[in-house]
């Protein structure tokens, strides 16, 4: 059964091939080929763009240039400019200022009058003390004369007492002699009485014998005469005994009288001695009073002299605290009237260096500082690091004295100095950033960058640590499109820089070292001059090294 085929409807007004009619194949035109190629190119570009947008981007490395220069480790601090030697002049007496002869900035010489205190009261005190001294001296002379008279009286009394004692001794000797005379007279009486008894007995016997005719009358007469002589001798002996007794009594009375006179002279001598001692004591008291009055006169003279305030040195007045009519009271403390700077061409800066940094500061260190008044940078030298600490709000600082030449007179007392103390330096050294010592390239399973917990730790920020000298590290140098590792040894680190020397490999000024994974930063240009630790702006009362050193 045959089928009927109808022609297809015309397309776009053009007849189409009959259904089932054989299709005639045509070759593609050049236009169609160009269109297809363009589509393919667009698809490829789109695919590449999509792939690049989805693929991770590789960031360029941050780099820096190796430099040769001087690296300085510094400690920052702030302090005050002061005269090297200033003298505070006060008043040792109280009173009213009657004259002021010096003002601020006055140049004064030694002994020059600065001010005067009204001397009226002190002159009156001196006159009174001198009058009392004169009175005391007169009383002392009188007491001395009395003491001299008393001493002479003592000598007289002693001589009289000595004579009285001699009289006593003579009277005693005489009384003793009279006693001996009494004994002798008594012996003579006894002898005369014995002779008388014998004569009486002889006469009695002669009378009997004469009556019997046994003796001659002449013998009896002779014995009678002997009896009379014996009787007379007894009378004489008894008279002599009575006389000796009387004389002995008189001698005894004289001895007693001499003894009484001697006792009286001794008593008078004691009285004279007591009077002499009293006079001598009075004279000594007057002499002591003279000493006291003399001291009072000297004190009054001293006070009067100190009513005139003079300069003890040559210098410049930098402080004046008094005016005419002002009352000065020195009862409890000496008031400061003037302050004189002895030599303003030599100044000192008193810096407060904090406890963490004081260990590296020493005498002889070079100090540079600025003051707000000038753009200049001043230079000085540490002369002393004082041991006495200052504690304010639990912050410990130590006073560090810096000597500065001020011949140009720019520095003035009281200026605030922001200082940089150079504690250590290395000259003509290879300088690389600390970040270059921290960075390492990526390896399999790692990411390029600074090692966490590395040997040197963080190089910036609050967790910064110092790179100890003698420590080895590595830097990566860009050469011919690749990185070359160079092993170096840390000579010194300060701020963000480190002075190094090469251990293995080659490193020289101008080499480019990698410091981190950056964003296409250009290599840093080489800098001339020395590299210093960064200065903390505004100054830090507690001092502080650059934070990269902590």
Foldseek 3Di string as FASTA:
>chain_A
DDDDWDFDDADPPHGDDTVVDDDDDDDDDPVVVVVVVVVVVVVVVVVVVVVVVPDDDAFDFAWAFKFWWKEFFWWWFKFFWAFPDKDFFFFPDWAFWAFADDDAFDWAAAFAFGTFGPLPVLVVLLVVLVVLLVVLVVQLVVLVVQLVVLVVVLVVLVVQLVVLVVQLVVLVVQLVVLVVQLVVLVVQLVVLVVQLVVLVVVLVVCVVCVVVPNDDPVVSVVSVVSNVVSVVSNVVSVVSNVVSVVSSVVSVVSSVVSVVSSVVSVVVSVVSVVSSVVSVVSSVVSVVVSVVSVVSSVVSVVNSVSSTGGDNRGFTWRDADDDGGDIADPPPHTDGGTMGRRDLQKMKTWIWAWPVPPVLDDWFWKKWKDFPVDPDIFIWTFHDWDPDWDADPNTTTTITITMGGRNVVPDDGGTMITMITRRDMDGRFTKDFPLQQQWDPDDVPGHTGGDDPDPQHDQDDQPAAADDFQDKTWWWWQDPNDTDIWIWTFHGDAARMTGTDTDDDDDDGRTMTGRGRDRPDDYHDHDDHYHYHDGDPPGDRNMGIRSNHD
